[in-house]
Amino acid sequence: MPHPTTAPARRRPEPGTRHAHPFPHVVFGPG
């Protein structure tokens, strides 16, 4: 599993990953 900084957020658009942030799991959290 790649680091959150190298995680392709564009390839895997998750609920809340609209913004290409280096730490989407930290910013958006479980919500």
N, C-alpha and C. Protein backbone atom coordinates (compact mmCIF):
# COMPACT_ATOMS: atom_id res chain seq x y z
N MET A 1 0.84 -1.20 0.00
CA MET A 1 0.00 0.00 0.00
C MET A 1 0.88 1.26 0.00
N PRO A 2 0.70 2.09 -1.02
CA PRO A 2 1.51 3.31 -1.15
C PRO A 2 1.17 4.35 -0.09
N HIS A 3 2.09 5.25 0.13
CA HIS A 3 1.87 6.30 1.14
C HIS A 3 0.77 7.25 0.68
N PRO A 4 0.12 7.92 1.63
CA PRO A 4 -0.96 8.85 1.33
C PRO A 4 -0.53 9.98 0.40
N THR A 5 0.76 10.31 0.46
CA THR A 5 1.27 11.40 -0.37
C THR A 5 1.41 10.94 -1.82
N THR A 6 1.68 9.66 -2.02
CA THR A 6 1.87 9.14 -3.37
C THR A 6 0.61 8.43 -3.86
N ALA A 7 -0.41 8.42 -3.02
CA ALA A 7 -1.66 7.75 -3.39
C ALA A 7 -2.36 8.50 -4.51
N PRO A 8 -2.65 7.80 -5.60
CA PRO A 8 -3.34 8.41 -6.75
C PRO A 8 -4.79 8.75 -6.43
N ALA A 9 -5.01 9.94 -5.92
CA ALA A 9 -6.37 10.33 -5.54
C ALA A 9 -7.24 10.53 -6.78
N ARG A 10 -6.59 10.87 -7.89
CA ARG A 10 -7.35 11.11 -9.13
C ARG A 10 -7.85 9.79 -9.71
N ARG A 11 -7.04 8.75 -9.58
CA ARG A 11 -7.44 7.44 -10.12
C ARG A 11 -8.53 6.81 -9.26
N ARG A 12 -8.43 7.04 -7.96
CA ARG A 12 -9.43 6.48 -7.05
C ARG A 12 -10.20 7.61 -6.35
N PRO A 13 -11.17 8.19 -7.05
CA PRO A 13 -11.97 9.28 -6.50
C PRO A 13 -12.88 8.82 -5.37
N GLU A 14 -12.44 9.02 -4.14
CA GLU A 14 -13.26 8.59 -3.00
C GLU A 14 -14.19 9.73 -2.57
N PRO A 15 -15.22 9.42 -1.78
CA PRO A 15 -16.18 10.42 -1.29
C PRO A 15 -15.51 11.49 -0.44
N GLY A 16 -15.13 12.61 -1.08
CA GLY A 16 -14.50 13.68 -0.32
C GLY A 16 -13.10 13.99 -0.84
N THR A 17 -12.64 13.20 -1.82
CA THR A 17 -11.29 13.43 -2.35
C THR A 17 -11.34 14.32 -3.59
N ARG A 18 -12.29 15.21 -3.63
CA ARG A 18 -12.40 16.12 -4.77
C ARG A 18 -11.13 16.93 -4.92
N HIS A 19 -10.64 17.43 -3.80
CA HIS A 19 -9.42 18.22 -3.81
C HIS A 19 -8.20 17.30 -3.69
N ALA A 20 -7.26 17.50 -4.59
CA ALA A 20 -6.05 16.67 -4.56
C ALA A 20 -5.19 17.03 -3.36
N HIS A 21 -5.55 16.50 -2.21
CA HIS A 21 -4.81 16.80 -0.98
C HIS A 21 -3.88 15.63 -0.65
N PRO A 22 -2.68 15.94 -0.15
CA PRO A 22 -1.70 14.91 0.18
C PRO A 22 -2.18 13.97 1.29
N PHE A 23 -3.12 14.46 2.11
CA PHE A 23 -3.63 13.63 3.20
C PHE A 23 -5.15 13.72 3.29
N PRO A 24 -5.83 13.14 2.32
CA PRO A 24 -7.30 13.19 2.29
C PRO A 24 -7.93 12.46 3.47
N HIS A 25 -7.27 11.39 3.91
CA HIS A 25 -7.83 10.61 5.01
C HIS A 25 -7.75 11.40 6.32
N VAL A 26 -6.78 12.34 6.37
CA VAL A 26 -6.61 13.14 7.58
C VAL A 26 -7.54 14.36 7.54
N VAL A 27 -7.69 14.93 6.34
CA VAL A 27 -8.50 16.13 6.18
C VAL A 27 -9.99 15.80 6.27
N PHE A 28 -10.41 14.83 5.48
CA PHE A 28 -11.82 14.47 5.43
C PHE A 28 -12.18 13.48 6.54
N GLY A 29 -11.24 12.61 6.88
CA GLY A 29 -11.48 11.63 7.93
C GLY A 29 -12.49 10.58 7.47
N PRO A 30 -13.13 9.90 8.42
CA PRO A 30 -14.08 8.83 8.12
C PRO A 30 -15.38 9.37 7.54
N GLY A 31 -15.51 10.68 7.52
CA GLY A 31 -16.72 11.30 7.02
C GLY A 31 -16.59 11.64 5.57
